């Protein structure tokens, strides 16, 4: 599982954890997150996220 970070605000999306509070269950791969999903902190799109090493 990978971790993605918003390049604008630093919000972290962890595939293992998902975002259940936003309807994305744990284990949801980044590719399966809807294109309409926006960063919950700053509202940018998935295109503004980068893969980070953890």
PDB file of N, CA and C in Angstrom:
ATOM      1  N   UNK A   1       0.843  -1.178   0.000  1.00  0.00           N
ATOM      2  CA  UNK A   1       0.000   0.000   0.000  1.00  0.00           C
ATOM      3  C   UNK A   1       0.892   1.246   0.000  1.00  0.00           C
ATOM      4  N   UNK A   2       0.405   2.274  -0.653  1.00  0.00           N
ATOM      5  CA  UNK A   2       1.173   3.504  -0.802  1.00  0.00           C
ATOM      6  C   UNK A   2       0.542   4.651  -0.012  1.00  0.00           C
ATOM      7  N   UNK A   3       1.333   5.703   0.141  1.00  0.00           N
ATOM      8  CA  UNK A   3       0.898   6.911   0.828  1.00  0.00           C
ATOM      9  C   UNK A   3       1.065   8.073  -0.147  1.00  0.00           C
ATOM     10  N   UNK A   4       0.068   8.933  -0.202  1.00  0.00           N
ATOM     11  CA  UNK A   4       0.078  10.089  -1.095  1.00  0.00           C
ATOM     12  C   UNK A   4      -0.070  11.354  -0.268  1.00  0.00           C
ATOM     13  N   UNK A   5       0.644  12.409  -0.673  1.00  0.00           N
ATOM     14  CA  UNK A   5       0.601  13.670   0.054  1.00  0.00           C
ATOM     15  C   UNK A   5       0.142  14.792  -0.872  1.00  0.00           C
ATOM     16  N   UNK A   6      -0.721  15.633  -0.346  1.00  0.00           N
ATOM     17  CA  UNK A   6      -1.160  16.812  -1.079  1.00  0.00           C
ATOM     18  C   UNK A   6       0.020  17.773  -1.178  1.00  0.00           C
ATOM     19  N   UNK A   7       0.370  18.154  -2.408  1.00  0.00           N
ATOM     20  CA  UNK A   7       1.498  19.056  -2.625  1.00  0.00           C
ATOM     21  C   UNK A   7       1.185  20.482  -2.185  1.00  0.00           C
ATOM     22  N   UNK A   8      -0.082  20.781  -1.955  1.00  0.00           N
ATOM     23  CA  UNK A   8      -0.482  22.129  -1.562  1.00  0.00           C
ATOM     24  C   UNK A   8      -0.461  22.298  -0.042  1.00  0.00           C
ATOM     25  N   UNK A   9      -1.108  21.364   0.681  1.00  0.00           N
ATOM     26  CA  UNK A   9      -1.250  21.550   2.133  1.00  0.00           C
ATOM     27  C   UNK A   9      -0.567  20.480   2.983  1.00  0.00           C
ATOM     28  N   UNK A  10      -0.110  19.383   2.360  1.00  0.00           N
ATOM     29  CA  UNK A  10       0.568  18.342   3.117  1.00  0.00           C
ATOM     30  C   UNK A  10      -0.341  17.260   3.667  1.00  0.00           C
ATOM     31  N   UNK A  11      -1.645  17.304   3.359  1.00  0.00           N
ATOM     32  CA  UNK A  11      -2.569  16.262   3.808  1.00  0.00           C
ATOM     33  C   UNK A  11      -2.086  14.911   3.290  1.00  0.00           C
ATOM     34  N   UNK A  12      -2.192  13.874   4.116  1.00  0.00           N
ATOM     35  CA  UNK A  12      -1.743  12.531   3.749  1.00  0.00           C
ATOM     36  C   UNK A  12      -2.936  11.616   3.494  1.00  0.00           C
ATOM     37  N   UNK A  13      -2.898  10.910   2.342  1.00  0.00           N
ATOM     38  CA  UNK A  13      -3.852   9.834   2.066  1.00  0.00           C
ATOM     39  C   UNK A  13      -3.071   8.535   2.099  1.00  0.00           C
ATOM     40  N   UNK A  14      -3.451   7.659   3.022  1.00  0.00           N
ATOM     41  CA  UNK A  14      -2.810   6.361   3.180  1.00  0.00           C
ATOM     42  C   UNK A  14      -3.776   5.304   2.661  1.00  0.00           C
ATOM     43  N   UNK A  15      -3.357   4.538   1.640  1.00  0.00           N
ATOM     44  CA  UNK A  15      -4.242   3.527   1.062  1.00  0.00           C
ATOM     45  C   UNK A  15      -4.707   2.520   2.110  1.00  0.00           C
ATOM     46  N   UNK A  16      -3.851   2.166   3.057  1.00  0.00           N
ATOM     47  CA  UNK A  16      -4.216   1.191   4.084  1.00  0.00           C
ATOM     48  C   UNK A  16      -5.328   1.713   4.993  1.00  0.00           C
ATOM     49  N   UNK A  17      -5.332   3.020   5.237  1.00  0.00           N
ATOM     50  CA  UNK A  17      -6.316   3.621   6.144  1.00  0.00           C
ATOM     51  C   UNK A  17      -7.560   4.128   5.431  1.00  0.00           C
ATOM     52  N   UNK A  18      -7.418   4.492   4.146  1.00  0.00           N
ATOM     53  CA  UNK A  18      -8.547   5.079   3.424  1.00  0.00           C
ATOM     54  C   UNK A  18      -8.981   6.384   4.073  1.00  0.00           C
ATOM     55  N   UNK A  19     -10.220   6.759   3.814  1.00  0.00           N
ATOM     56  CA  UNK A  19     -10.829   7.948   4.419  1.00  0.00           C
ATOM     57  C   UNK A  19     -12.287   7.610   4.715  1.00  0.00           C
ATOM     58  N   UNK A  20     -12.529   6.701   5.685  1.00  0.00           N
ATOM     59  CA  UNK A  20     -13.904   6.253   5.953  1.00  0.00           C
ATOM     60  C   UNK A  20     -14.880   7.393   6.211  1.00  0.00           C
ATOM     61  N   UNK A  21     -14.404   8.475   6.833  1.00  0.00           N
ATOM     62  CA  UNK A  21     -15.289   9.604   7.117  1.00  0.00           C
ATOM     63  C   UNK A  21     -15.742  10.315   5.845  1.00  0.00           C
ATOM     64  N   UNK A  22     -15.062  10.018   4.729  1.00  0.00           N
ATOM     65  CA  UNK A  22     -15.432  10.599   3.433  1.00  0.00           C
ATOM     66  C   UNK A  22     -15.907   9.526   2.457  1.00  0.00           C
ATOM     67  N   UNK A  23     -16.262   8.350   2.988  1.00  0.00           N
ATOM     68  CA  UNK A  23     -16.815   7.284   2.163  1.00  0.00           C
ATOM     69  C   UNK A  23     -15.795   6.433   1.431  1.00  0.00           C
ATOM     70  N   UNK A  24     -14.525   6.518   1.810  1.00  0.00           N
ATOM     71  CA  UNK A  24     -13.482   5.718   1.162  1.00  0.00           C
ATOM     72  C   UNK A  24     -12.949   4.719   2.193  1.00  0.00           C
ATOM     73  N   UNK A  25     -13.321   3.443   2.054  1.00  0.00           N
ATOM     74  CA  UNK A  25     -12.954   2.451   3.068  1.00  0.00           C
ATOM     75  C   UNK A  25     -11.455   2.142   3.111  1.00  0.00           C
ATOM     76  N   UNK A  26     -10.974   1.651   4.252  1.00  0.00           N
ATOM     77  CA  UNK A  26      -9.576   1.230   4.355  1.00  0.00           C
ATOM     78  C   UNK A  26      -9.245   0.227   3.253  1.00  0.00           C
ATOM     79  N   UNK A  27      -8.027   0.307   2.736  1.00  0.00           N
ATOM     80  CA  UNK A  27      -7.591  -0.603   1.686  1.00  0.00           C
ATOM     81  C   UNK A  27      -7.898  -0.117   0.277  1.00  0.00           C
ATOM     82  N   UNK A  28      -8.501   1.067   0.154  1.00  0.00           N
ATOM     83  CA  UNK A  28      -8.831   1.602  -1.169  1.00  0.00           C
ATOM     84  C   UNK A  28      -7.570   2.149  -1.829  1.00  0.00           C
ATOM     85  N   UNK A  29      -7.226   1.565  -2.979  1.00  0.00           N
ATOM     86  CA  UNK A  29      -6.066   2.026  -3.731  1.00  0.00           C
ATOM     87  C   UNK A  29      -6.320   3.418  -4.284  1.00  0.00           C
ATOM     88  N   UNK A  30      -5.258   4.183  -4.449  1.00  0.00           N
ATOM     89  CA  UNK A  30      -5.361   5.550  -4.968  1.00  0.00           C
ATOM     90  C   UNK A  30      -6.074   5.558  -6.313  1.00  0.00           C
ATOM     91  N   UNK A  31      -5.771   4.584  -7.155  1.00  0.00           N
ATOM     92  CA  UNK A  31      -6.393   4.504  -8.482  1.00  0.00           C
ATOM     93  C   UNK A  31      -7.903   4.320  -8.387  1.00  0.00           C
ATOM     94  N   UNK A  32      -8.376   3.774  -7.264  1.00  0.00           N
ATOM     95  CA  UNK A  32      -9.806   3.528  -7.077  1.00  0.00           C
ATOM     96  C   UNK A  32     -10.530   4.664  -6.358  1.00  0.00           C
ATOM     97  N   UNK A  33      -9.786   5.653  -5.884  1.00  0.00           N
ATOM     98  CA  UNK A  33     -10.413   6.836  -5.281  1.00  0.00           C
ATOM     99  C   UNK A  33     -11.054   7.618  -6.430  1.00  0.00           C
ATOM    100  N   UNK A  34     -12.323   7.998  -6.296  1.00  0.00           N
ATOM    101  CA  UNK A  34     -12.999   8.700  -7.398  1.00  0.00           C
ATOM    102  C   UNK A  34     -12.266   9.973  -7.830  1.00  0.00           C
ATOM    103  N   UNK A  35     -12.288  10.248  -9.121  1.00  0.00           N
ATOM    104  CA  UNK A  35     -11.647  11.457  -9.655  1.00  0.00           C
ATOM    105  C   UNK A  35     -12.301  12.725  -9.105  1.00  0.00           C
ATOM    106  N   UNK A  36     -13.518  12.596  -8.618  1.00  0.00           N
ATOM    107  CA  UNK A  36     -14.237  13.746  -8.064  1.00  0.00           C
ATOM    108  C   UNK A  36     -13.826  14.051  -6.622  1.00  0.00           C
ATOM    109  N   UNK A  37     -13.050  13.142  -6.003  1.00  0.00           N
ATOM    110  CA  UNK A  37     -12.605  13.334  -4.621  1.00  0.00           C
ATOM    111  C   UNK A  37     -11.680  14.536  -4.548  1.00  0.00           C
ATOM    112  N   UNK A  38     -11.828  15.325  -3.502  1.00  0.00           N
ATOM    113  CA  UNK A  38     -10.985  16.499  -3.278  1.00  0.00           C
ATOM    114  C   UNK A  38     -10.290  16.385  -1.934  1.00  0.00           C
ATOM    115  N   UNK A  39      -9.141  16.998  -1.816  1.00  0.00           N
ATOM    116  CA  UNK A  39      -8.418  17.020  -0.550  1.00  0.00           C
ATOM    117  C   UNK A  39      -9.339  17.597   0.523  1.00  0.00           C
ATOM    118  N   UNK A  40      -9.528  16.876   1.637  1.00  0.00           N
ATOM    119  CA  UNK A  40     -10.423  17.380   2.681  1.00  0.00           C
ATOM    120  C   UNK A  40      -9.898  18.617   3.404  1.00  0.00           C
ATOM    121  N   UNK A  41      -8.616  18.920   3.240  1.00  0.00           N
ATOM    122  CA  UNK A  41      -8.039  20.085   3.913  1.00  0.00           C
ATOM    123  C   UNK A  41      -8.064  21.349   3.054  1.00  0.00           C
ATOM    124  N   UNK A  42      -7.780  21.202   1.740  1.00  0.00           N
ATOM    125  CA  UNK A  42      -7.653  22.405   0.908  1.00  0.00           C
ATOM    126  C   UNK A  42      -8.429  22.333  -0.409  1.00  0.00           C
ATOM    127  N   UNK A  43      -9.136  21.238  -0.640  1.00  0.00           N
ATOM    128  CA  UNK A  43     -10.045  21.076  -1.788  1.00  0.00           C
ATOM    129  C   UNK A  43      -9.380  21.003  -3.160  1.00  0.00           C
ATOM    130  N   UNK A  44      -8.089  20.639  -3.238  1.00  0.00           N
ATOM    131  CA  UNK A  44      -7.485  20.430  -4.552  1.00  0.00           C
ATOM    132  C   UNK A  44      -7.785  19.012  -5.027  1.00  0.00           C
ATOM    133  N   UNK A  45      -7.563  18.751  -6.308  1.00  0.00           N
ATOM    134  CA  UNK A  45      -7.890  17.450  -6.894  1.00  0.00           C
ATOM    135  C   UNK A  45      -6.780  16.424  -6.664  1.00  0.00           C
ATOM    136  N   UNK A  46      -7.070  15.185  -7.054  1.00  0.00           N
ATOM    137  CA  UNK A  46      -6.093  14.100  -6.944  1.00  0.00           C
ATOM    138  C   UNK A  46      -4.807  14.411  -7.704  1.00  0.00           C
ATOM    139  N   UNK A  47      -4.901  15.199  -8.764  1.00  0.00           N
ATOM    140  CA  UNK A  47      -3.728  15.526  -9.582  1.00  0.00           C
ATOM    141  C   UNK A  47      -2.664  16.274  -8.784  1.00  0.00           C
ATOM    142  N   UNK A  48      -3.054  16.874  -7.665  1.00  0.00           N
ATOM    143  CA  UNK A  48      -2.125  17.645  -6.844  1.00  0.00           C
ATOM    144  C   UNK A  48      -1.484  16.821  -5.733  1.00  0.00           C
ATOM    145  N   UNK A  49      -1.632  15.500  -5.791  1.00  0.00           N
ATOM    146  CA  UNK A  49      -1.036  14.613  -4.795  1.00  0.00           C
ATOM    147  C   UNK A  49       0.187  13.922  -5.380  1.00  0.00           C
ATOM    148  N   UNK A  50       1.168  13.668  -4.524  1.00  0.00           N
ATOM    149  CA  UNK A  50       2.377  12.968  -4.943  1.00  0.00           C
ATOM    150  C   UNK A  50       2.594  11.758  -4.039  1.00  0.00           C
ATOM    151  N   UNK A  51       3.244  10.720  -4.573  1.00  0.00           N
ATOM    152  CA  UNK A  51       3.581   9.533  -3.786  1.00  0.00           C
ATOM    153  C   UNK A  51       4.733   9.900  -2.863  1.00  0.00           C
ATOM    154  N   UNK A  52       4.639   9.456  -1.613  1.00  0.00           N
ATOM    155  CA  UNK A  52       5.735   9.695  -0.665  1.00  0.00           C
ATOM    156  C   UNK A  52       6.225   8.369  -0.103  1.00  0.00           C
ATOM    157  N   UNK A  53       7.503   8.298   0.186  1.00  0.00           N
ATOM    158  CA  UNK A  53       8.081   7.116   0.811  1.00  0.00           C
ATOM    159  C   UNK A  53       7.890   7.218   2.316  1.00  0.00           C
ATOM    160  N   UNK A  54       7.467   6.100   2.902  1.00  0.00           N
ATOM    161  CA  UNK A  54       7.304   6.075   4.359  1.00  0.00           C
ATOM    162  C   UNK A  54       8.152   4.984   4.956  1.00  0.00           C
TER     163      UNK A  54
END
